[in-house]
Structure formats: structure tokens, C-alpha cells
Amino acid sequence: MSTLTDVTREALSLPVEDRVVLAQRVWDSMEHFVDADIEQAWMDESDRRWREIEEGKVECQSADEVMKRARKALGR
């Protein structure tokens, strides 16, 4: 019987296209665990945030810049 480590190692050795398909299949298999109300709330929130970006109400920042500021705030 394969362990999670074995399966992970094998999955990561696949070509990127196959890993994408595998990831989608794994994600789809968990769909029944998702609460429909929570899922809708997240979709509404993502739509709201996207509108704010499109309307110029917020300015996106790179992940690198955000991490630099976070490290600085934490004294690192």
C-alpha cells in the first residue's frame, strides 16, 4: 500500500499538465465537503473584490512587497 509520501513523490514527478489534471480531480472529489452557503459567500466576496480592482478603488500589490512589509512589521 502506498503512503501519502509515495503518492506525493509520484504525483510531483508527473508532467505539469498531468499534475494540473490530477489536482483538479482531487479538488473535485472534495466538492461534497463544501457548504453551499459558504461557497456562495466566498464567490460574492471575490466578485466584490474584483469589482473594486476593476473600478480602481483598490490598488494591487505584489506578494513580494507585501511579504517585505510583513517581515519589517514583525522585526525580521
PDB file of N, CA and C in Angstrom:
ATOM      1  N   MET A   1       0.844  -1.188   0.000  1.00  0.00           N
ATOM      2  CA  MET A   1       0.000   0.000   0.000  1.00  0.00           C
ATOM      3  C   MET A   1       0.885   1.246   0.000  1.00  0.00           C
ATOM      4  N   SER A   2       0.553   2.196  -0.840  1.00  0.00           N
ATOM      5  CA  SER A   2       1.329   3.426  -0.955  1.00  0.00           C
ATOM      6  C   SER A   2       1.028   4.366   0.201  1.00  0.00           C
ATOM      7  N   THR A   3       2.065   5.037   0.655  1.00  0.00           N
ATOM      8  CA  THR A   3       1.883   6.052   1.678  1.00  0.00           C
ATOM      9  C   THR A   3       1.634   7.394   1.005  1.00  0.00           C
ATOM     10  N   LEU A   4       1.199   8.356   1.776  1.00  0.00           N
ATOM     11  CA  LEU A   4       0.993   9.691   1.233  1.00  0.00           C
ATOM     12  C   LEU A   4       2.287  10.233   0.640  1.00  0.00           C
ATOM     13  N   THR A   5       3.398   9.960   1.295  1.00  0.00           N
ATOM     14  CA  THR A   5       4.694  10.407   0.786  1.00  0.00           C
ATOM     15  C   THR A   5       4.982   9.797  -0.574  1.00  0.00           C
ATOM     16  N   ASP A   6       4.709   8.499  -0.721  1.00  0.00           N
ATOM     17  CA  ASP A   6       4.936   7.829  -2.007  1.00  0.00           C
ATOM     18  C   ASP A   6       4.050   8.429  -3.105  1.00  0.00           C
ATOM     19  N   VAL A   7       2.797   8.620  -2.786  1.00  0.00           N
ATOM     20  CA  VAL A   7       1.856   9.158  -3.770  1.00  0.00           C
ATOM     21  C   VAL A   7       2.255  10.576  -4.149  1.00  0.00           C
ATOM     22  N   THR A   8       2.650  11.363  -3.162  1.00  0.00           N
ATOM     23  CA  THR A   8       3.072  12.740  -3.424  1.00  0.00           C
ATOM     24  C   THR A   8       4.304  12.759  -4.318  1.00  0.00           C
ATOM     25  N   ARG A   9       5.282  11.952  -3.998  1.00  0.00           N
ATOM     26  CA  ARG A   9       6.509  11.886  -4.803  1.00  0.00           C
ATOM     27  C   ARG A   9       6.167  11.521  -6.253  1.00  0.00           C
ATOM     28  N   GLU A  10       5.300  10.526  -6.405  1.00  0.00           N
ATOM     29  CA  GLU A  10       4.929  10.102  -7.752  1.00  0.00           C
ATOM     30  C   GLU A  10       4.158  11.198  -8.482  1.00  0.00           C
ATOM     31  N   ALA A  11       3.233  11.843  -7.777  1.00  0.00           N
ATOM     32  CA  ALA A  11       2.448  12.911  -8.403  1.00  0.00           C
ATOM     33  C   ALA A  11       3.336  14.061  -8.848  1.00  0.00           C
ATOM     34  N   LEU A  12       4.304  14.431  -8.014  1.00  0.00           N
ATOM     35  CA  LEU A  12       5.185  15.546  -8.356  1.00  0.00           C
ATOM     36  C   LEU A  12       6.151  15.215  -9.487  1.00  0.00           C
ATOM     37  N   SER A  13       6.303  13.941  -9.803  1.00  0.00           N
ATOM     38  CA  SER A  13       7.174  13.560 -10.914  1.00  0.00           C
ATOM     39  C   SER A  13       6.438  13.594 -12.257  1.00  0.00           C
ATOM     40  N   LEU A  14       5.130  13.788 -12.220  1.00  0.00           N
ATOM     41  CA  LEU A  14       4.338  13.848 -13.450  1.00  0.00           C
ATOM     42  C   LEU A  14       4.612  15.152 -14.201  1.00  0.00           C
ATOM     43  N   PRO A  15       4.377  15.152 -15.503  1.00  0.00           N
ATOM     44  CA  PRO A  15       4.466  16.407 -16.263  1.00  0.00           C
ATOM     45  C   PRO A  15       3.440  17.411 -15.710  1.00  0.00           C
ATOM     46  N   VAL A  16       3.719  18.675 -15.849  1.00  0.00           N
ATOM     47  CA  VAL A  16       2.878  19.710 -15.259  1.00  0.00           C
ATOM     48  C   VAL A  16       1.418  19.604 -15.718  1.00  0.00           C
ATOM     49  N   GLU A  17       1.203  19.276 -16.974  1.00  0.00           N
ATOM     50  CA  GLU A  17      -0.172  19.163 -17.471  1.00  0.00           C
ATOM     51  C   GLU A  17      -0.937  18.070 -16.724  1.00  0.00           C
ATOM     52  N   ASP A  18      -0.271  16.950 -16.461  1.00  0.00           N
ATOM     53  CA  ASP A  18      -0.908  15.852 -15.733  1.00  0.00           C
ATOM     54  C   ASP A  18      -1.143  16.229 -14.269  1.00  0.00           C
ATOM     55  N   ARG A  19      -0.225  17.005 -13.687  1.00  0.00           N
ATOM     56  CA  ARG A  19      -0.406  17.443 -12.300  1.00  0.00           C
ATOM     57  C   ARG A  19      -1.616  18.358 -12.178  1.00  0.00           C
ATOM     58  N   VAL A  20      -1.826  19.197 -13.203  1.00  0.00           N
ATOM     59  CA  VAL A  20      -2.990  20.080 -13.200  1.00  0.00           C
ATOM     60  C   VAL A  20      -4.274  19.255 -13.231  1.00  0.00           C
ATOM     61  N   VAL A  21      -4.312  18.266 -14.099  1.00  0.00           N
ATOM     62  CA  VAL A  21      -5.491  17.394 -14.191  1.00  0.00           C
ATOM     63  C   VAL A  21      -5.705  16.658 -12.869  1.00  0.00           C
ATOM     64  N   LEU A  22      -4.639  16.132 -12.298  1.00  0.00           N
ATOM     65  CA  LEU A  22      -4.734  15.421 -11.018  1.00  0.00           C
ATOM     66  C   LEU A  22      -5.243  16.345  -9.920  1.00  0.00           C
ATOM     67  N   ALA A  23      -4.701  17.546  -9.851  1.00  0.00           N
ATOM     68  CA  ALA A  23      -5.129  18.498  -8.821  1.00  0.00           C
ATOM     69  C   ALA A  23      -6.614  18.806  -8.957  1.00  0.00           C
ATOM     70  N   GLN A  24      -7.073  18.989 -10.181  1.00  0.00           N
ATOM     71  CA  GLN A  24      -8.495  19.273 -10.405  1.00  0.00           C
ATOM     72  C   GLN A  24      -9.357  18.092  -9.980  1.00  0.00           C
ATOM     73  N   ARG A  25      -8.916  16.894 -10.288  1.00  0.00           N
ATOM     74  CA  ARG A  25      -9.693  15.708  -9.904  1.00  0.00           C
ATOM     75  C   ARG A  25      -9.752  15.551  -8.387  1.00  0.00           C
ATOM     76  N   VAL A  26      -8.643  15.809  -7.718  1.00  0.00           N
ATOM     77  CA  VAL A  26      -8.630  15.737  -6.248  1.00  0.00           C
ATOM     78  C   VAL A  26      -9.569  16.804  -5.690  1.00  0.00           C
ATOM     79  N   TRP A  27      -9.451  18.023  -6.209  1.00  0.00           N
ATOM     80  CA  TRP A  27     -10.311  19.121  -5.749  1.00  0.00           C
ATOM     81  C   TRP A  27     -11.789  18.778  -5.959  1.00  0.00           C
ATOM     82  N   ASP A  28     -12.119  18.274  -7.140  1.00  0.00           N
ATOM     83  CA  ASP A  28     -13.496  17.905  -7.442  1.00  0.00           C
ATOM     84  C   ASP A  28     -14.013  16.822  -6.502  1.00  0.00           C
ATOM     85  N   SER A  29     -13.123  15.922  -6.074  1.00  0.00           N
ATOM     86  CA  SER A  29     -13.553  14.836  -5.190  1.00  0.00           C
ATOM     87  C   SER A  29     -13.942  15.345  -3.805  1.00  0.00           C
ATOM     88  N   MET A  30     -13.530  16.558  -3.460  1.00  0.00           N
ATOM     89  CA  MET A  30     -13.836  17.124  -2.146  1.00  0.00           C
ATOM     90  C   MET A  30     -15.044  18.044  -2.183  1.00  0.00           C
ATOM     91  N   GLU A  31     -15.642  18.182  -3.343  1.00  0.00           N
ATOM     92  CA  GLU A  31     -16.743  19.118  -3.523  1.00  0.00           C
ATOM     93  C   GLU A  31     -17.896  18.863  -2.553  1.00  0.00           C
ATOM     94  N   HIS A  32     -18.148  17.620  -2.223  1.00  0.00           N
ATOM     95  CA  HIS A  32     -19.282  17.330  -1.336  1.00  0.00           C
ATOM     96  C   HIS A  32     -19.031  17.781   0.100  1.00  0.00           C
ATOM     97  N   PHE A  33     -17.802  18.183   0.423  1.00  0.00           N
ATOM     98  CA  PHE A  33     -17.494  18.679   1.750  1.00  0.00           C
ATOM     99  C   PHE A  33     -17.770  20.183   1.879  1.00  0.00           C
ATOM    100  N   VAL A  34     -18.038  20.832   0.761  1.00  0.00           N
ATOM    101  CA  VAL A  34     -18.203  22.271   0.747  1.00  0.00           C
ATOM    102  C   VAL A  34     -19.648  22.643   1.066  1.00  0.00           C
ATOM    103  N   ASP A  35     -19.804  23.559   2.003  1.00  0.00           N
ATOM    104  CA  ASP A  35     -21.115  24.087   2.348  1.00  0.00           C
ATOM    105  C   ASP A  35     -21.504  25.098   1.266  1.00  0.00           C
ATOM    106  N   ALA A  36     -22.662  24.918   0.652  1.00  0.00           N
ATOM    107  CA  ALA A  36     -23.088  25.768  -0.456  1.00  0.00           C
ATOM    108  C   ALA A  36     -23.181  27.238  -0.041  1.00  0.00           C
ATOM    109  N   ASP A  37     -23.653  27.519   1.163  1.00  0.00           N
ATOM    110  CA  ASP A  37     -23.772  28.906   1.627  1.00  0.00           C
ATOM    111  C   ASP A  37     -22.399  29.551   1.781  1.00  0.00           C
ATOM    112  N   ILE A  38     -21.451  28.795   2.315  1.00  0.00           N
ATOM    113  CA  ILE A  38     -20.096  29.321   2.475  1.00  0.00           C
ATOM    114  C   ILE A  38     -19.461  29.541   1.113  1.00  0.00           C
ATOM    115  N   GLU A  39     -19.647  28.592   0.220  1.00  0.00           N
ATOM    116  CA  GLU A  39     -19.109  28.726  -1.135  1.00  0.00           C
ATOM    117  C   GLU A  39     -19.671  29.976  -1.808  1.00  0.00           C
ATOM    118  N   GLN A  40     -20.966  30.212  -1.666  1.00  0.00           N
ATOM    119  CA  GLN A  40     -21.583  31.395  -2.280  1.00  0.00           C
ATOM    120  C   GLN A  40     -21.047  32.677  -1.653  1.00  0.00           C
ATOM    121  N   ALA A  41     -20.842  32.662  -0.343  1.00  0.00           N
ATOM    122  CA  ALA A  41     -20.295  33.835   0.334  1.00  0.00           C
ATOM    123  C   ALA A  41     -18.898  34.159  -0.198  1.00  0.00           C
ATOM    124  N   TRP A  42     -18.071  33.132  -0.406  1.00  0.00           N
ATOM    125  CA  TRP A  42     -16.727  33.361  -0.958  1.00  0.00           C
ATOM    126  C   TRP A  42     -16.798  33.886  -2.390  1.00  0.00           C
ATOM    127  N   MET A  43     -17.718  33.359  -3.174  1.00  0.00           N
ATOM    128  CA  MET A  43     -17.873  33.838  -4.548  1.00  0.00           C
ATOM    129  C   MET A  43     -18.316  35.299  -4.560  1.00  0.00           C
ATOM    130  N   ASP A  44     -19.250  35.649  -3.683  1.00  0.00           N
ATOM    131  CA  ASP A  44     -19.709  37.033  -3.588  1.00  0.00           C
ATOM    132  C   ASP A  44     -18.561  37.957  -3.191  1.00  0.00           C
ATOM    133  N   GLU A  45     -17.769  37.512  -2.221  1.00  0.00           N
ATOM    134  CA  GLU A  45     -16.626  38.312  -1.763  1.00  0.00           C
ATOM    135  C   GLU A  45     -15.594  38.480  -2.872  1.00  0.00           C
ATOM    136  N   SER A  46     -15.295  37.412  -3.594  1.00  0.00           N
ATOM    137  CA  SER A  46     -14.308  37.526  -4.674  1.00  0.00           C
ATOM    138  C   SER A  46     -14.824  38.435  -5.783  1.00  0.00           C
ATOM    139  N   ASP A  47     -16.119  38.368  -6.076  1.00  0.00           N
ATOM    140  CA  ASP A  47     -16.701  39.269  -7.073  1.00  0.00           C
ATOM    141  C   ASP A  47     -16.595  40.725  -6.621  1.00  0.00           C
ATOM    142  N   ARG A  48     -16.885  40.972  -5.341  1.00  0.00           N
ATOM    143  CA  ARG A  48     -16.809  42.327  -4.796  1.00  0.00           C
ATOM    144  C   ARG A  48     -15.379  42.860  -4.906  1.00  0.00           C
ATOM    145  N   ARG A  49     -14.414  42.032  -4.526  1.00  0.00           N
ATOM    146  CA  ARG A  49     -13.011  42.459  -4.577  1.00  0.00           C
ATOM    147  C   ARG A  49     -12.563  42.725  -6.014  1.00  0.00           C
ATOM    148  N   TRP A  50     -12.983  41.871  -6.931  1.00  0.00           N
ATOM    149  CA  TRP A  50     -12.616  42.063  -8.334  1.00  0.00           C
ATOM    150  C   TRP A  50     -13.187  43.380  -8.860  1.00  0.00           C
ATOM    151  N   ARG A  51     -14.444  43.684  -8.512  1.00  0.00           N
ATOM    152  CA  ARG A  51     -15.053  44.953  -8.934  1.00  0.00           C
ATOM    153  C   ARG A  51     -14.256  46.140  -8.395  1.00  0.00           C
ATOM    154  N   GLU A  52     -13.826  46.056  -7.132  1.00  0.00           N
ATOM    155  CA  GLU A  52     -13.044  47.141  -6.538  1.00  0.00           C
ATOM    156  C   GLU A  52     -11.732  47.362  -7.308  1.00  0.00           C
ATOM    157  N   ILE A  53     -11.107  46.280  -7.735  1.00  0.00           N
ATOM    158  CA  ILE A  53      -9.876  46.387  -8.521  1.00  0.00           C
ATOM    159  C   ILE A  53     -10.186  47.011  -9.875  1.00  0.00           C
ATOM    160  N   GLU A  54     -11.190  46.499 -10.549  1.00  0.00           N
ATOM    161  CA  GLU A  54     -11.557  46.992 -11.875  1.00  0.00           C
ATOM    162  C   GLU A  54     -11.974  48.463 -11.845  1.00  0.00           C
ATOM    163  N   GLU A  55     -12.625  48.880 -10.771  1.00  0.00           N
ATOM    164  CA  GLU A  55     -13.092  50.267 -10.649  1.00  0.00           C
ATOM    165  C   GLU A  55     -12.013  51.200 -10.124  1.00  0.00           C
ATOM    166  N   GLY A  56     -10.846  50.656  -9.819  1.00  0.00           N
ATOM    167  CA  GLY A  56      -9.744  51.477  -9.337  1.00  0.00           C
ATOM    168  C   GLY A  56      -9.878  51.906  -7.889  1.00  0.00           C
ATOM    169  N   LYS A  57     -10.744  51.265  -7.134  1.00  0.00           N
ATOM    170  CA  LYS A  57     -10.944  51.614  -5.726  1.00  0.00           C
ATOM    171  C   LYS A  57      -9.820  51.085  -4.836  1.00  0.00           C
ATOM    172  N   VAL A  58      -9.169  50.040  -5.293  1.00  0.00           N
ATOM    173  CA  VAL A  58      -8.033  49.480  -4.560  1.00  0.00           C
ATOM    174  C   VAL A  58      -6.892  49.263  -5.542  1.00  0.00           C
ATOM    175  N   GLU A  59      -5.687  49.266  -5.016  1.00  0.00           N
ATOM    176  CA  GLU A  59      -4.501  49.051  -5.836  1.00  0.00           C
ATOM    177  C   GLU A  59      -3.860  47.730  -5.424  1.00  0.00           C
ATOM    178  N   CYS A  60      -3.621  46.880  -6.392  1.00  0.00           N
ATOM    179  CA  CYS A  60      -2.986  45.596  -6.107  1.00  0.00           C
ATOM    180  C   CYS A  60      -1.511  45.802  -5.785  1.00  0.00           C
ATOM    181  N   GLN A  61      -0.993  44.938  -4.948  1.00  0.00           N
ATOM    182  CA  GLN A  61       0.416  44.969  -4.592  1.00  0.00           C
ATOM    183  C   GLN A  61       0.993  43.583  -4.817  1.00  0.00           C
ATOM    184  N   SER A  62       2.272  43.547  -5.150  1.00  0.00           N
ATOM    185  CA  SER A  62       2.910  42.264  -5.398  1.00  0.00           C
ATOM    186  C   SER A  62       3.057  41.497  -4.079  1.00  0.00           C
ATOM    187  N   ALA A  63       3.061  40.200  -4.184  1.00  0.00           N
ATOM    188  CA  ALA A  63       3.242  39.359  -2.993  1.00  0.00           C
ATOM    189  C   ALA A  63       4.592  39.640  -2.351  1.00  0.00           C
ATOM    190  N   ASP A  64       5.618  39.899  -3.171  1.00  0.00           N
ATOM    191  CA  ASP A  64       6.945  40.198  -2.629  1.00  0.00           C
ATOM    192  C   ASP A  64       6.915  41.448  -1.754  1.00  0.00           C
ATOM    193  N   GLU A  65       6.248  42.487  -2.235  1.00  0.00           N
ATOM    194  CA  GLU A  65       6.171  43.727  -1.466  1.00  0.00           C
ATOM    195  C   GLU A  65       5.394  43.525  -0.173  1.00  0.00           C
ATOM    196  N   VAL A  66       4.306  42.802  -0.232  1.00  0.00           N
ATOM    197  CA  VAL A  66       3.511  42.529   0.969  1.00  0.00           C
ATOM    198  C   VAL A  66       4.336  41.750   1.986  1.00  0.00           C
ATOM    199  N   MET A  67       5.080  40.757   1.522  1.00  0.00           N
ATOM    200  CA  MET A  67       5.910  39.962   2.441  1.00  0.00           C
ATOM    201  C   MET A  67       7.022  40.806   3.056  1.00  0.00           C
ATOM    202  N   LYS A  68       7.622  41.696   2.271  1.00  0.00           N
ATOM    203  CA  LYS A  68       8.655  42.585   2.812  1.00  0.00           C
ATOM    204  C   LYS A  68       8.088  43.450   3.935  1.00  0.00           C
ATOM    205  N   ARG A  69       6.920  44.016   3.691  1.00  0.00           N
ATOM    206  CA  ARG A  69       6.308  44.863   4.725  1.00  0.00           C
ATOM    207  C   ARG A  69       5.931  44.049   5.961  1.00  0.00           C
ATOM    208  N   ALA A  70       5.430  42.834   5.744  1.00  0.00           N
ATOM    209  CA  ALA A  70       5.060  41.984   6.878  1.00  0.00           C
ATOM    210  C   ALA A  70       6.292  41.628   7.706  1.00  0.00           C
ATOM    211  N   ARG A  71       7.370  41.267   7.025  1.00  0.00           N
ATOM    212  CA  ARG A  71       8.625  40.929   7.750  1.00  0.00           C
ATOM    213  C   ARG A  71       9.141  42.131   8.526  1.00  0.00           C
ATOM    214  N   LYS A  72       9.058  43.301   7.907  1.00  0.00           N
ATOM    215  CA  LYS A  72       9.516  44.514   8.569  1.00  0.00           C
ATOM    216  C   LYS A  72       8.654  44.783   9.808  1.00  0.00           C
ATOM    217  N   ALA A  73       7.346  44.633   9.675  1.00  0.00           N
ATOM    218  CA  ALA A  73       6.443  44.855  10.813  1.00  0.00           C
ATOM    219  C   ALA A  73       6.711  43.878  11.951  1.00  0.00           C
ATOM    220  N   LEU A  74       7.160  42.660  11.603  1.00  0.00           N
ATOM    221  CA  LEU A  74       7.453  41.647  12.606  1.00  0.00           C
ATOM    222  C   LEU A  74       8.897  41.746  13.117  1.00  0.00           C
ATOM    223  N   GLY A  75       9.649  42.718  12.590  1.00  0.00           N
ATOM    224  CA  GLY A  75      11.028  42.908  13.027  1.00  0.00           C
ATOM    225  C   GLY A  75      11.989  41.871  12.494  1.00  0.00           C
ATOM    226  N   ARG A  76      11.711  41.346  11.329  1.00  0.00           N
ATOM    227  CA  ARG A  76      12.584  40.319  10.742  1.00  0.00           C
ATOM    228  C   ARG A  76      13.370  40.864   9.598  1.00  0.00           C
TER     229      ARG A  76
END
